[in-house]
Amino acid sequence: MEKHTVYIITDSNRTYLEVGCCTEINIRLSEIRNVSSPLFSHSPRLNNVVYMAHFDNKEQAEAQRKQLQQFTRMQREKLIRLKNPNWLTLNATPFKTVDKKVVVYA
C-alpha cells in the first residue's frame, strides 16, 4: 500500500511556502532541490521541508493538500509552528539511521 505525503516546503528565508503531495517524498524532494533551468533562474531555492503529514488514502491526501492551499500564510505558519515550532528542516526518512561521528568537547 502506497503512503501519500502532504508537505510544505520553503526557502531559506521562509519567503515562500509551497504545498505539495506525492507518494515518494525522497524522489520528489530531490527533484525540487535539483531544479536547474534558465526558466527558473530567479525562482527561490525551495529546500526546507517544514511540514509533513502521511496518509494511507490518496483522496485524504488530496483533500488535505487542497485545504492547505486555500489557507492564508498566517494559517500555514500556525500549522507549521504546531508541529515544528523552530521551523527545522524535517528529514524525509525519519527511521533511516545515519552514521555520523559526534565530537564532544569537555
N, C-alpha and C. Protein backbone atom coordinates (compact mmCIF):
# COMPACT_ATOMS: atom_id res chain seq x y z
N MET A 1 0.84 -1.17 0.00
CA MET A 1 0.00 0.00 0.00
C MET A 1 0.89 1.25 0.00
N GLU A 2 0.58 2.17 -0.89
CA GLU A 2 1.37 3.38 -1.00
C GLU A 2 0.99 4.38 0.08
N LYS A 3 2.00 5.04 0.61
CA LYS A 3 1.80 6.14 1.54
C LYS A 3 1.82 7.43 0.75
N HIS A 4 0.89 8.29 1.03
CA HIS A 4 0.83 9.60 0.38
C HIS A 4 1.24 10.65 1.40
N THR A 5 2.08 11.56 0.97
CA THR A 5 2.61 12.58 1.85
C THR A 5 2.22 13.96 1.37
N VAL A 6 1.68 14.75 2.28
CA VAL A 6 1.41 16.16 2.02
C VAL A 6 2.51 16.93 2.74
N TYR A 7 3.13 17.88 2.04
CA TYR A 7 4.25 18.59 2.63
C TYR A 7 4.15 20.08 2.35
N ILE A 8 4.84 20.84 3.19
CA ILE A 8 5.03 22.27 2.96
C ILE A 8 6.54 22.48 2.91
N ILE A 9 7.00 23.10 1.84
CA ILE A 9 8.42 23.33 1.64
C ILE A 9 8.63 24.84 1.49
N THR A 10 9.77 25.32 1.98
CA THR A 10 10.06 26.74 1.95
C THR A 10 11.51 26.98 1.57
N ASP A 11 11.84 28.23 1.31
CA ASP A 11 13.23 28.59 1.03
C ASP A 11 13.94 28.94 2.34
N SER A 12 15.20 29.29 2.25
CA SER A 12 15.97 29.54 3.47
C SER A 12 15.52 30.80 4.21
N ASN A 13 14.89 31.73 3.53
CA ASN A 13 14.40 32.95 4.17
C ASN A 13 12.94 32.85 4.61
N ARG A 14 12.32 31.72 4.38
CA ARG A 14 10.90 31.49 4.69
C ARG A 14 9.98 32.46 3.96
N THR A 15 10.39 32.86 2.78
CA THR A 15 9.60 33.80 1.99
C THR A 15 8.43 33.10 1.31
N TYR A 16 8.69 31.92 0.75
CA TYR A 16 7.68 31.17 0.02
C TYR A 16 7.31 29.92 0.79
N LEU A 17 6.02 29.60 0.80
CA LEU A 17 5.53 28.35 1.39
C LEU A 17 4.75 27.62 0.31
N GLU A 18 5.32 26.55 -0.19
CA GLU A 18 4.68 25.75 -1.25
C GLU A 18 4.11 24.48 -0.66
N VAL A 19 2.91 24.14 -1.06
CA VAL A 19 2.23 22.92 -0.60
C VAL A 19 2.26 21.91 -1.73
N GLY A 20 2.54 20.66 -1.39
CA GLY A 20 2.55 19.62 -2.40
C GLY A 20 2.12 18.28 -1.84
N CYS A 21 1.92 17.33 -2.75
CA CYS A 21 1.50 15.98 -2.38
C CYS A 21 2.22 15.00 -3.29
N CYS A 22 2.70 13.90 -2.73
CA CYS A 22 3.40 12.91 -3.53
C CYS A 22 3.36 11.56 -2.82
N THR A 23 3.83 10.52 -3.52
CA THR A 23 3.91 9.20 -2.91
C THR A 23 5.33 8.88 -2.46
N GLU A 24 6.31 9.33 -3.20
CA GLU A 24 7.72 9.12 -2.85
C GLU A 24 8.34 10.46 -2.49
N ILE A 25 8.37 10.77 -1.21
CA ILE A 25 8.83 12.07 -0.77
C ILE A 25 10.32 12.29 -1.07
N ASN A 26 11.14 11.26 -0.95
CA ASN A 26 12.58 11.43 -1.22
C ASN A 26 12.84 11.79 -2.68
N ILE A 27 12.16 11.12 -3.58
CA ILE A 27 12.33 11.40 -5.01
C ILE A 27 11.82 12.79 -5.33
N ARG A 28 10.68 13.16 -4.78
CA ARG A 28 10.11 14.48 -5.04
C ARG A 28 11.02 15.60 -4.52
N LEU A 29 11.59 15.41 -3.34
CA LEU A 29 12.47 16.43 -2.78
C LEU A 29 13.74 16.58 -3.60
N SER A 30 14.27 15.47 -4.09
CA SER A 30 15.47 15.58 -4.93
C SER A 30 15.14 16.28 -6.24
N GLU A 31 13.95 16.07 -6.79
CA GLU A 31 13.53 16.78 -7.99
C GLU A 31 13.42 18.28 -7.73
N ILE A 32 12.83 18.64 -6.62
CA ILE A 32 12.66 20.06 -6.28
C ILE A 32 14.01 20.72 -6.05
N ARG A 33 14.88 20.06 -5.32
CA ARG A 33 16.17 20.65 -4.98
C ARG A 33 17.12 20.73 -6.17
N ASN A 34 16.97 19.87 -7.14
CA ASN A 34 17.89 19.83 -8.27
C ASN A 34 17.35 20.52 -9.52
N VAL A 35 16.36 21.36 -9.36
CA VAL A 35 15.84 22.10 -10.50
C VAL A 35 16.89 23.10 -10.93
N SER A 36 17.34 22.95 -12.15
CA SER A 36 18.28 23.93 -12.71
C SER A 36 17.88 24.16 -14.15
N SER A 37 17.29 25.30 -14.38
CA SER A 37 16.81 25.63 -15.70
C SER A 37 16.91 27.12 -15.90
N PRO A 38 17.19 27.56 -17.10
CA PRO A 38 17.21 29.01 -17.35
C PRO A 38 15.86 29.67 -17.08
N LEU A 39 14.80 28.90 -17.21
CA LEU A 39 13.48 29.46 -16.95
C LEU A 39 13.26 29.75 -15.47
N PHE A 40 13.93 28.99 -14.62
CA PHE A 40 13.73 29.13 -13.18
C PHE A 40 14.94 29.73 -12.49
N SER A 41 15.73 30.52 -13.19
CA SER A 41 16.95 31.05 -12.59
C SER A 41 16.67 32.04 -11.46
N HIS A 42 15.56 32.75 -11.53
CA HIS A 42 15.24 33.73 -10.50
C HIS A 42 14.24 33.19 -9.47
N SER A 43 13.89 31.95 -9.58
CA SER A 43 12.94 31.39 -8.63
C SER A 43 13.66 31.03 -7.33
N PRO A 44 12.92 30.97 -6.23
CA PRO A 44 13.55 30.67 -4.95
C PRO A 44 14.00 29.21 -4.89
N ARG A 45 15.04 28.95 -4.11
CA ARG A 45 15.53 27.60 -3.91
C ARG A 45 14.75 26.98 -2.75
N LEU A 46 13.75 26.22 -3.07
CA LEU A 46 12.94 25.56 -2.05
C LEU A 46 13.70 24.33 -1.57
N ASN A 47 14.17 24.37 -0.34
CA ASN A 47 14.99 23.26 0.13
C ASN A 47 14.71 22.86 1.57
N ASN A 48 13.78 23.49 2.25
CA ASN A 48 13.49 23.15 3.64
C ASN A 48 12.07 22.63 3.78
N VAL A 49 11.93 21.35 4.07
CA VAL A 49 10.62 20.78 4.33
C VAL A 49 10.30 21.05 5.80
N VAL A 50 9.25 21.83 6.04
CA VAL A 50 8.94 22.21 7.41
C VAL A 50 7.66 21.56 7.94
N TYR A 51 6.91 20.88 7.08
CA TYR A 51 5.68 20.21 7.50
C TYR A 51 5.47 18.99 6.62
N MET A 52 5.11 17.87 7.25
CA MET A 52 4.76 16.65 6.52
C MET A 52 3.62 15.95 7.25
N ALA A 53 2.70 15.42 6.47
CA ALA A 53 1.62 14.59 7.00
C ALA A 53 1.47 13.40 6.07
N HIS A 54 1.37 12.21 6.64
CA HIS A 54 1.30 10.98 5.86
C HIS A 54 -0.12 10.42 5.89
N PHE A 55 -0.57 9.93 4.73
CA PHE A 55 -1.91 9.37 4.59
C PHE A 55 -1.83 8.04 3.86
N ASP A 56 -2.75 7.13 4.20
CA ASP A 56 -2.84 5.85 3.51
C ASP A 56 -3.71 5.94 2.26
N ASN A 57 -4.56 6.94 2.22
CA ASN A 57 -5.55 7.08 1.17
C ASN A 57 -5.22 8.30 0.31
N LYS A 58 -5.25 8.14 -1.00
CA LYS A 58 -4.94 9.24 -1.92
C LYS A 58 -5.98 10.36 -1.81
N GLU A 59 -7.24 10.02 -1.64
CA GLU A 59 -8.28 11.02 -1.56
C GLU A 59 -8.11 11.91 -0.33
N GLN A 60 -7.73 11.30 0.80
CA GLN A 60 -7.49 12.08 2.01
C GLN A 60 -6.31 13.03 1.82
N ALA A 61 -5.26 12.56 1.19
CA ALA A 61 -4.08 13.38 0.97
C ALA A 61 -4.41 14.55 0.05
N GLU A 62 -5.13 14.30 -1.02
CA GLU A 62 -5.51 15.37 -1.94
C GLU A 62 -6.43 16.39 -1.26
N ALA A 63 -7.34 15.91 -0.42
CA ALA A 63 -8.23 16.83 0.29
C ALA A 63 -7.43 17.71 1.25
N GLN A 64 -6.44 17.12 1.93
CA GLN A 64 -5.59 17.90 2.83
C GLN A 64 -4.75 18.92 2.06
N ARG A 65 -4.23 18.52 0.91
CA ARG A 65 -3.42 19.43 0.08
C ARG A 65 -4.26 20.61 -0.39
N LYS A 66 -5.47 20.33 -0.87
CA LYS A 66 -6.35 21.41 -1.33
C LYS A 66 -6.71 22.35 -0.19
N GLN A 67 -6.95 21.78 0.98
CA GLN A 67 -7.28 22.61 2.13
C GLN A 67 -6.09 23.51 2.51
N LEU A 68 -4.89 22.96 2.51
CA LEU A 68 -3.70 23.75 2.86
C LEU A 68 -3.42 24.82 1.81
N GLN A 69 -3.72 24.56 0.57
CA GLN A 69 -3.51 25.56 -0.47
C GLN A 69 -4.47 26.73 -0.32
N GLN A 70 -5.62 26.49 0.27
CA GLN A 70 -6.58 27.57 0.48
C GLN A 70 -6.29 28.36 1.75
N PHE A 71 -5.42 27.85 2.62
CA PHE A 71 -5.06 28.55 3.84
C PHE A 71 -4.33 29.85 3.51
N THR A 72 -4.48 30.82 4.37
CA THR A 72 -3.67 32.03 4.25
C THR A 72 -2.27 31.72 4.77
N ARG A 73 -1.34 32.63 4.52
CA ARG A 73 0.02 32.42 5.00
C ARG A 73 0.04 32.29 6.52
N MET A 74 -0.75 33.09 7.21
CA MET A 74 -0.78 33.05 8.67
C MET A 74 -1.28 31.70 9.17
N GLN A 75 -2.27 31.13 8.50
CA GLN A 75 -2.78 29.82 8.89
C GLN A 75 -1.74 28.73 8.65
N ARG A 76 -1.01 28.82 7.55
CA ARG A 76 0.04 27.84 7.27
C ARG A 76 1.16 27.94 8.30
N GLU A 77 1.55 29.16 8.64
CA GLU A 77 2.60 29.33 9.65
C GLU A 77 2.17 28.78 11.00
N LYS A 78 0.92 28.98 11.36
CA LYS A 78 0.41 28.45 12.63
C LYS A 78 0.45 26.93 12.63
N LEU A 79 0.05 26.32 11.52
CA LEU A 79 0.09 24.86 11.40
C LEU A 79 1.52 24.33 11.51
N ILE A 80 2.45 25.01 10.86
CA ILE A 80 3.85 24.59 10.91
C ILE A 80 4.36 24.70 12.34
N ARG A 81 4.05 25.80 13.02
CA ARG A 81 4.55 26.01 14.38
C ARG A 81 3.97 25.01 15.37
N LEU A 82 2.78 24.47 15.09
CA LEU A 82 2.20 23.47 15.98
C LEU A 82 3.04 22.19 15.99
N LYS A 83 3.52 21.78 14.83
CA LYS A 83 4.28 20.53 14.73
C LYS A 83 5.78 20.76 14.69
N ASN A 84 6.22 21.93 14.27
CA ASN A 84 7.64 22.20 14.09
C ASN A 84 7.91 23.65 14.54
N PRO A 85 7.92 23.90 15.85
CA PRO A 85 7.98 25.29 16.34
C PRO A 85 9.24 26.06 15.92
N ASN A 86 10.34 25.38 15.68
CA ASN A 86 11.58 26.06 15.30
C ASN A 86 11.84 26.06 13.80
N TRP A 87 10.88 25.61 13.04
CA TRP A 87 10.99 25.56 11.58
C TRP A 87 12.22 24.79 11.14
N LEU A 88 12.53 23.70 11.80
CA LEU A 88 13.67 22.88 11.41
C LEU A 88 13.34 22.11 10.15
N THR A 89 14.35 21.83 9.35
CA THR A 89 14.15 21.03 8.16
C THR A 89 13.89 19.60 8.58
N LEU A 90 12.75 19.07 8.16
CA LEU A 90 12.37 17.71 8.53
C LEU A 90 13.07 16.71 7.65
N ASN A 91 13.45 15.62 8.23
CA ASN A 91 14.09 14.54 7.49
C ASN A 91 12.99 13.74 6.81
N ALA A 92 13.17 13.48 5.53
CA ALA A 92 12.15 12.76 4.76
C ALA A 92 12.04 11.31 5.19
N THR A 93 13.11 10.74 5.71
CA THR A 93 13.09 9.35 6.17
C THR A 93 13.42 9.34 7.66
N PRO A 94 12.43 9.50 8.52
CA PRO A 94 12.71 9.62 9.95
C PRO A 94 13.26 8.36 10.59
N PHE A 95 13.08 7.20 9.98
CA PHE A 95 13.53 5.97 10.59
C PHE A 95 14.85 5.47 10.01
N LYS A 96 15.40 6.22 9.09
CA LYS A 96 16.67 5.85 8.49
C LYS A 96 17.80 6.28 9.43
N THR A 97 18.69 5.38 9.73
CA THR A 97 19.79 5.73 10.61
C THR A 97 20.97 6.20 9.77
N VAL A 98 21.57 7.25 10.23
CA VAL A 98 22.72 7.82 9.54
C VAL A 98 23.90 7.74 10.48
N ASP A 99 25.00 7.19 9.99
CA ASP A 99 26.20 7.10 10.81
C ASP A 99 26.93 8.42 10.77
N LYS A 100 26.96 9.10 11.90
CA LYS A 100 27.69 10.36 11.99
C LYS A 100 28.63 10.27 13.18
N LYS A 101 29.76 10.88 13.01
CA LYS A 101 30.69 10.97 14.12
C LYS A 101 30.36 12.21 14.91
N VAL A 102 30.27 12.05 16.20
CA VAL A 102 29.96 13.17 17.06
C VAL A 102 31.19 13.48 17.88
N VAL A 103 31.58 14.73 17.87
CA VAL A 103 32.72 15.17 18.66
C VAL A 103 32.20 15.98 19.82
N VAL A 104 32.61 15.59 21.01
CA VAL A 104 32.19 16.28 22.22
C VAL A 104 33.41 16.91 22.86
N TYR A 105 33.32 18.20 23.08
CA TYR A 105 34.41 18.91 23.75
C TYR A 105 34.06 19.11 25.19
N ALA A 106 34.96 18.73 26.06
CA ALA A 106 34.69 18.86 27.51
C ALA A 106 35.33 20.09 28.07
